[in-house]
Amino acid sequence: MSSFKEWLHAPAIRQVVCKHADAEKYLVTNVLTPGKTYDVKNETEEFLFVVDNTGKVGGYYKTYFE
């Protein structure tokens, strides 16, 4: 696997659609838009690393996506 520093320019693994941005602990409404499709750059059991609305790769719980 490539370094996290290379994820932004790496091809997307797949695409996912954000189903909500309602977070209990963190503010994600500024970086995720429900209904929008995002490119997945990497994933773990718990997180998806996507190119968010800031244009950077961020890690988010899989529960935010369909």
PDB file of N, CA and C in Angstrom:
ATOM      1  N   MET A   1       0.848  -1.192   0.000  1.00  0.00           N
ATOM      2  CA  MET A   1       0.000   0.000   0.000  1.00  0.00           C
ATOM      3  C   MET A   1       0.882   1.240   0.000  1.00  0.00           C
ATOM      4  N   SER A   2       0.416   2.273  -0.648  1.00  0.00           N
ATOM      5  CA  SER A   2       1.185   3.512  -0.735  1.00  0.00           C
ATOM      6  C   SER A   2       1.095   4.302   0.572  1.00  0.00           C
ATOM      7  N   SER A   3       1.982   5.241   0.713  1.00  0.00           N
ATOM      8  CA  SER A   3       2.002   6.118   1.872  1.00  0.00           C
ATOM      9  C   SER A   3       0.773   7.021   1.863  1.00  0.00           C
ATOM     10  N   PHE A   4       0.297   7.369   3.042  1.00  0.00           N
ATOM     11  CA  PHE A   4      -0.863   8.258   3.133  1.00  0.00           C
ATOM     12  C   PHE A   4      -0.606   9.589   2.448  1.00  0.00           C
ATOM     13  N   LYS A   5       0.635   9.981   2.311  1.00  0.00           N
ATOM     14  CA  LYS A   5       0.969  11.233   1.646  1.00  0.00           C
ATOM     15  C   LYS A   5       0.668  11.184   0.153  1.00  0.00           C
ATOM     16  N   GLU A   6       0.543   9.989  -0.400  1.00  0.00           N
ATOM     17  CA  GLU A   6       0.285   9.818  -1.830  1.00  0.00           C
ATOM     18  C   GLU A   6      -1.193   9.552  -2.139  1.00  0.00           C
ATOM     19  N   TRP A   7      -2.032   9.403  -1.116  1.00  0.00           N
ATOM     20  CA  TRP A   7      -3.434   9.034  -1.328  1.00  0.00           C
ATOM     21  C   TRP A   7      -4.198  10.028  -2.191  1.00  0.00           C
ATOM     22  N   LEU A   8      -3.969  11.315  -2.021  1.00  0.00           N
ATOM     23  CA  LEU A   8      -4.730  12.328  -2.755  1.00  0.00           C
ATOM     24  C   LEU A   8      -4.594  12.149  -4.260  1.00  0.00           C
ATOM     25  N   HIS A   9      -3.407  11.788  -4.714  1.00  0.00           N
ATOM     26  CA  HIS A   9      -3.162  11.665  -6.155  1.00  0.00           C
ATOM     27  C   HIS A   9      -3.302  10.239  -6.666  1.00  0.00           C
ATOM     28  N   ALA A  10      -3.537   9.295  -5.779  1.00  0.00           N
ATOM     29  CA  ALA A  10      -3.716   7.892  -6.183  1.00  0.00           C
ATOM     30  C   ALA A  10      -5.120   7.706  -6.771  1.00  0.00           C
ATOM     31  N   PRO A  11      -5.310   6.707  -7.641  1.00  0.00           N
ATOM     32  CA  PRO A  11      -6.658   6.455  -8.165  1.00  0.00           C
ATOM     33  C   PRO A  11      -7.601   6.021  -7.045  1.00  0.00           C
ATOM     34  N   ALA A  12      -8.862   6.346  -7.206  1.00  0.00           N
ATOM     35  CA  ALA A  12      -9.866   5.973  -6.209  1.00  0.00           C
ATOM     36  C   ALA A  12     -10.073   4.462  -6.222  1.00  0.00           C
ATOM     37  N   ILE A  13     -10.264   3.889  -5.041  1.00  0.00           N
ATOM     38  CA  ILE A  13     -10.562   2.467  -4.904  1.00  0.00           C
ATOM     39  C   ILE A  13     -11.989   2.210  -5.382  1.00  0.00           C
ATOM     40  N   ARG A  14     -12.890   3.101  -4.981  1.00  0.00           N
ATOM     41  CA  ARG A  14     -14.314   3.043  -5.348  1.00  0.00           C
ATOM     42  C   ARG A  14     -14.940   4.369  -4.950  1.00  0.00           C
ATOM     43  N   GLN A  15     -16.238   4.481  -5.178  1.00  0.00           N
ATOM     44  CA  GLN A  15     -16.953   5.693  -4.773  1.00  0.00           C
ATOM     45  C   GLN A  15     -18.059   5.319  -3.798  1.00  0.00           C
ATOM     46  N   VAL A  16     -18.360   6.235  -2.892  1.00  0.00           N
ATOM     47  CA  VAL A  16     -19.424   6.044  -1.918  1.00  0.00           C
ATOM     48  C   VAL A  16     -20.267   7.313  -1.855  1.00  0.00           C
ATOM     49  N   VAL A  17     -21.501   7.162  -1.400  1.00  0.00           N
ATOM     50  CA  VAL A  17     -22.407   8.299  -1.247  1.00  0.00           C
ATOM     51  C   VAL A  17     -22.583   8.578   0.240  1.00  0.00           C
ATOM     52  N   CYS A  18     -22.458   9.843   0.612  1.00  0.00           N
ATOM     53  CA  CYS A  18     -22.658  10.249   2.002  1.00  0.00           C
ATOM     54  C   CYS A  18     -24.146  10.156   2.319  1.00  0.00           C
ATOM     55  N   LYS A  19     -24.500   9.440   3.384  1.00  0.00           N
ATOM     56  CA  LYS A  19     -25.924   9.322   3.736  1.00  0.00           C
ATOM     57  C   LYS A  19     -26.339  10.292   4.835  1.00  0.00           C
ATOM     58  N   HIS A  20     -25.379  10.764   5.645  1.00  0.00           N
ATOM     59  CA  HIS A  20     -25.678  11.790   6.651  1.00  0.00           C
ATOM     60  C   HIS A  20     -24.387  12.421   7.133  1.00  0.00           C
ATOM     61  N   ALA A  21     -24.511  13.567   7.777  1.00  0.00           N
ATOM     62  CA  ALA A  21     -23.355  14.257   8.357  1.00  0.00           C
ATOM     63  C   ALA A  21     -23.661  14.636   9.804  1.00  0.00           C
ATOM     64  N   ASP A  22     -24.500  13.819  10.433  1.00  0.00           N
ATOM     65  CA  ASP A  22     -24.889  14.063  11.820  1.00  0.00           C
ATOM     66  C   ASP A  22     -23.909  13.354  12.749  1.00  0.00           C
ATOM     67  N   ALA A  23     -22.996  14.107  13.323  1.00  0.00           N
ATOM     68  CA  ALA A  23     -21.985  13.532  14.197  1.00  0.00           C
ATOM     69  C   ALA A  23     -22.270  13.900  15.644  1.00  0.00           C
ATOM     70  N   GLU A  24     -22.058  12.932  16.540  1.00  0.00           N
ATOM     71  CA  GLU A  24     -22.241  13.198  17.964  1.00  0.00           C
ATOM     72  C   GLU A  24     -21.066  13.976  18.543  1.00  0.00           C
ATOM     73  N   LYS A  25     -19.869  13.656  18.083  1.00  0.00           N
ATOM     74  CA  LYS A  25     -18.675  14.180  18.728  1.00  0.00           C
ATOM     75  C   LYS A  25     -17.909  15.200  17.883  1.00  0.00           C
ATOM     76  N   TYR A  26     -17.927  15.043  16.576  1.00  0.00           N
ATOM     77  CA  TYR A  26     -17.111  15.888  15.701  1.00  0.00           C
ATOM     78  C   TYR A  26     -17.986  16.672  14.740  1.00  0.00           C
ATOM     79  N   LEU A  27     -17.512  17.800  14.263  1.00  0.00           N
ATOM     80  CA  LEU A  27     -18.230  18.614  13.291  1.00  0.00           C
ATOM     81  C   LEU A  27     -17.838  18.163  11.886  1.00  0.00           C
ATOM     82  N   VAL A  28     -18.741  17.486  11.195  1.00  0.00           N
ATOM     83  CA  VAL A  28     -18.437  17.019   9.842  1.00  0.00           C
ATOM     84  C   VAL A  28     -19.331  17.667   8.790  1.00  0.00           C
ATOM     85  N   THR A  29     -20.277  18.499   9.205  1.00  0.00           N
ATOM     86  CA  THR A  29     -21.178  19.131   8.240  1.00  0.00           C
ATOM     87  C   THR A  29     -20.437  20.088   7.312  1.00  0.00           C
ATOM     88  N   ASN A  30     -19.273  20.566   7.713  1.00  0.00           N
ATOM     89  CA  ASN A  30     -18.485  21.468   6.867  1.00  0.00           C
ATOM     90  C   ASN A  30     -17.690  20.721   5.801  1.00  0.00           C
ATOM     91  N   VAL A  31     -17.500  19.414   5.974  1.00  0.00           N
ATOM     92  CA  VAL A  31     -16.630  18.667   5.064  1.00  0.00           C
ATOM     93  C   VAL A  31     -17.322  17.526   4.321  1.00  0.00           C
ATOM     94  N   LEU A  32     -18.524  17.136   4.745  1.00  0.00           N
ATOM     95  CA  LEU A  32     -19.299  16.101   4.056  1.00  0.00           C
ATOM     96  C   LEU A  32     -20.693  16.631   3.749  1.00  0.00           C
ATOM     97  N   THR A  33     -21.204  16.299   2.566  1.00  0.00           N
ATOM     98  CA  THR A  33     -22.531  16.727   2.151  1.00  0.00           C
ATOM     99  C   THR A  33     -23.397  15.502   1.887  1.00  0.00           C
ATOM    100  N   PRO A  34     -24.497  15.327   2.629  1.00  0.00           N
ATOM    101  CA  PRO A  34     -25.370  14.183   2.375  1.00  0.00           C
ATOM    102  C   PRO A  34     -25.849  14.176   0.926  1.00  0.00           C
ATOM    103  N   GLY A  35     -25.815  12.990   0.299  1.00  0.00           N
ATOM    104  CA  GLY A  35     -26.222  12.837  -1.087  1.00  0.00           C
ATOM    105  C   GLY A  35     -25.090  12.990  -2.083  1.00  0.00           C
ATOM    106  N   LYS A  36     -23.952  13.509  -1.649  1.00  0.00           N
ATOM    107  CA  LYS A  36     -22.808  13.705  -2.539  1.00  0.00           C
ATOM    108  C   LYS A  36     -21.965  12.428  -2.616  1.00  0.00           C
ATOM    109  N   THR A  37     -21.391  12.185  -3.787  1.00  0.00           N
ATOM    110  CA  THR A  37     -20.526  11.026  -4.006  1.00  0.00           C
ATOM    111  C   THR A  37     -19.072  11.422  -3.766  1.00  0.00           C
ATOM    112  N   TYR A  38     -18.354  10.560  -3.055  1.00  0.00           N
ATOM    113  CA  TYR A  38     -16.954  10.817  -2.717  1.00  0.00           C
ATOM    114  C   TYR A  38     -16.072   9.670  -3.202  1.00  0.00           C
ATOM    115  N   ASP A  39     -14.841  10.006  -3.598  1.00  0.00           N
ATOM    116  CA  ASP A  39     -13.851   9.009  -3.999  1.00  0.00           C
ATOM    117  C   ASP A  39     -13.172   8.446  -2.763  1.00  0.00           C
ATOM    118  N   VAL A  40     -13.166   7.122  -2.655  1.00  0.00           N
ATOM    119  CA  VAL A  40     -12.481   6.443  -1.549  1.00  0.00           C
ATOM    120  C   VAL A  40     -11.030   6.206  -1.952  1.00  0.00           C
ATOM    121  N   LYS A  41     -10.121   6.672  -1.134  1.00  0.00           N
ATOM    122  CA  LYS A  41      -8.689   6.515  -1.403  1.00  0.00           C
ATOM    123  C   LYS A  41      -8.080   5.360  -0.612  1.00  0.00           C
ATOM    124  N   ASN A  42      -8.661   5.054   0.546  1.00  0.00           N
ATOM    125  CA  ASN A  42      -8.191   3.941   1.373  1.00  0.00           C
ATOM    126  C   ASN A  42      -9.291   3.628   2.380  1.00  0.00           C
ATOM    127  N   GLU A  43      -9.233   2.427   2.995  1.00  0.00           N
ATOM    128  CA  GLU A  43     -10.202   2.109   4.025  1.00  0.00           C
ATOM    129  C   GLU A  43      -9.631   1.108   5.008  1.00  0.00           C
ATOM    130  N   THR A  44     -10.203   1.148   6.220  1.00  0.00           N
ATOM    131  CA  THR A  44      -9.888   0.188   7.265  1.00  0.00           C
ATOM    132  C   THR A  44     -11.208  -0.446   7.665  1.00  0.00           C
ATOM    133  N   GLU A  45     -11.190  -1.267   8.692  1.00  0.00           N
ATOM    134  CA  GLU A  45     -12.431  -1.886   9.145  1.00  0.00           C
ATOM    135  C   GLU A  45     -13.445  -0.849   9.608  1.00  0.00           C
ATOM    136  N   GLU A  46     -12.972   0.246  10.177  1.00  0.00           N
ATOM    137  CA  GLU A  46     -13.852   1.240  10.783  1.00  0.00           C
ATOM    138  C   GLU A  46     -13.987   2.544   9.996  1.00  0.00           C
ATOM    139  N   PHE A  47     -12.974   2.882   9.193  1.00  0.00           N
ATOM    140  CA  PHE A  47     -12.939   4.183   8.529  1.00  0.00           C
ATOM    141  C   PHE A  47     -12.830   4.078   7.014  1.00  0.00           C
ATOM    142  N   LEU A  48     -13.368   5.125   6.338  1.00  0.00           N
ATOM    143  CA  LEU A  48     -13.121   5.350   4.920  1.00  0.00           C
ATOM    144  C   LEU A  48     -12.328   6.645   4.818  1.00  0.00           C
ATOM    145  N   PHE A  49     -11.323   6.640   3.977  1.00  0.00           N
ATOM    146  CA  PHE A  49     -10.527   7.837   3.731  1.00  0.00           C
ATOM    147  C   PHE A  49     -10.930   8.362   2.363  1.00  0.00           C
ATOM    148  N   VAL A  50     -11.619   9.497   2.361  1.00  0.00           N
ATOM    149  CA  VAL A  50     -12.190  10.051   1.135  1.00  0.00           C
ATOM    150  C   VAL A  50     -11.664  11.456   0.897  1.00  0.00           C
ATOM    151  N   VAL A  51     -11.763  11.907  -0.354  1.00  0.00           N
ATOM    152  CA  VAL A  51     -11.470  13.303  -0.673  1.00  0.00           C
ATOM    153  C   VAL A  51     -12.735  14.081  -0.317  1.00  0.00           C
ATOM    154  N   ASP A  52     -12.674  14.846   0.758  1.00  0.00           N
ATOM    155  CA  ASP A  52     -13.862  15.537   1.258  1.00  0.00           C
ATOM    156  C   ASP A  52     -14.048  16.902   0.583  1.00  0.00           C
ATOM    157  N   ASN A  53     -14.961  17.698   1.099  1.00  0.00           N
ATOM    158  CA  ASN A  53     -15.291  18.990   0.484  1.00  0.00           C
ATOM    159  C   ASN A  53     -14.151  20.004   0.544  1.00  0.00           C
ATOM    160  N   THR A  54     -13.129  19.744   1.361  1.00  0.00           N
ATOM    161  CA  THR A  54     -11.986  20.649   1.433  1.00  0.00           C
ATOM    162  C   THR A  54     -10.983  20.360   0.320  1.00  0.00           C
ATOM    163  N   GLY A  55     -11.175  19.224  -0.383  1.00  0.00           N
ATOM    164  CA  GLY A  55     -10.233  18.825  -1.421  1.00  0.00           C
ATOM    165  C   GLY A  55      -9.067  18.018  -0.893  1.00  0.00           C
ATOM    166  N   LYS A  56      -9.112  17.689   0.393  1.00  0.00           N
ATOM    167  CA  LYS A  56      -8.066  16.891   1.024  1.00  0.00           C
ATOM    168  C   LYS A  56      -8.631  15.539   1.435  1.00  0.00           C
ATOM    169  N   VAL A  57      -7.757  14.597   1.724  1.00  0.00           N
ATOM    170  CA  VAL A  57      -8.187  13.273   2.173  1.00  0.00           C
ATOM    171  C   VAL A  57      -8.435  13.321   3.672  1.00  0.00           C
ATOM    172  N   GLY A  58      -9.621  12.900   4.081  1.00  0.00           N
ATOM    173  CA  GLY A  58      -9.965  12.828   5.499  1.00  0.00           C
ATOM    174  C   GLY A  58     -10.511  11.460   5.827  1.00  0.00           C
ATOM    175  N   GLY A  59     -10.335  11.034   7.068  1.00  0.00           N
ATOM    176  CA  GLY A  59     -10.845   9.742   7.517  1.00  0.00           C
ATOM    177  C   GLY A  59     -12.148   9.906   8.268  1.00  0.00           C
ATOM    178  N   TYR A  60     -13.166   9.140   7.872  1.00  0.00           N
ATOM    179  CA  TYR A  60     -14.496   9.245   8.478  1.00  0.00           C
ATOM    180  C   TYR A  60     -15.041   7.859   8.755  1.00  0.00           C
ATOM    181  N   TYR A  61     -15.851   7.749   9.816  1.00  0.00           N
ATOM    182  CA  TYR A  61     -16.492   6.477  10.113  1.00  0.00           C
ATOM    183  C   TYR A  61     -17.319   6.020   8.922  1.00  0.00           C
ATOM    184  N   LYS A  62     -17.342   4.729   8.679  1.00  0.00           N
ATOM    185  CA  LYS A  62     -18.104   4.168   7.558  1.00  0.00           C
ATOM    186  C   LYS A  62     -19.594   4.424   7.688  1.00  0.00           C
ATOM    187  N   THR A  63     -20.067   4.709   8.907  1.00  0.00           N
ATOM    188  CA  THR A  63     -21.499   4.928   9.127  1.00  0.00           C
ATOM    189  C   THR A  63     -22.036   6.166   8.407  1.00  0.00           C
ATOM    190  N   TYR A  64     -21.146   7.051   7.964  1.00  0.00           N
ATOM    191  CA  TYR A  64     -21.588   8.238   7.236  1.00  0.00           C
ATOM    192  C   TYR A  64     -21.933   7.942   5.769  1.00  0.00           C
ATOM    193  N   PHE A  65     -21.587   6.751   5.307  1.00  0.00           N
ATOM    194  CA  PHE A  65     -21.708   6.448   3.870  1.00  0.00           C
ATOM    195  C   PHE A  65     -22.575   5.230   3.602  1.00  0.00           C
ATOM    196  N   GLU A  66     -23.140   5.209   2.384  1.00  0.00           N
ATOM    197  CA  GLU A  66     -23.923   4.046   1.944  1.00  0.00           C
ATOM    198  C   GLU A  66     -22.993   3.027   1.325  1.00  0.00           C
TER     199      GLU A  66
END
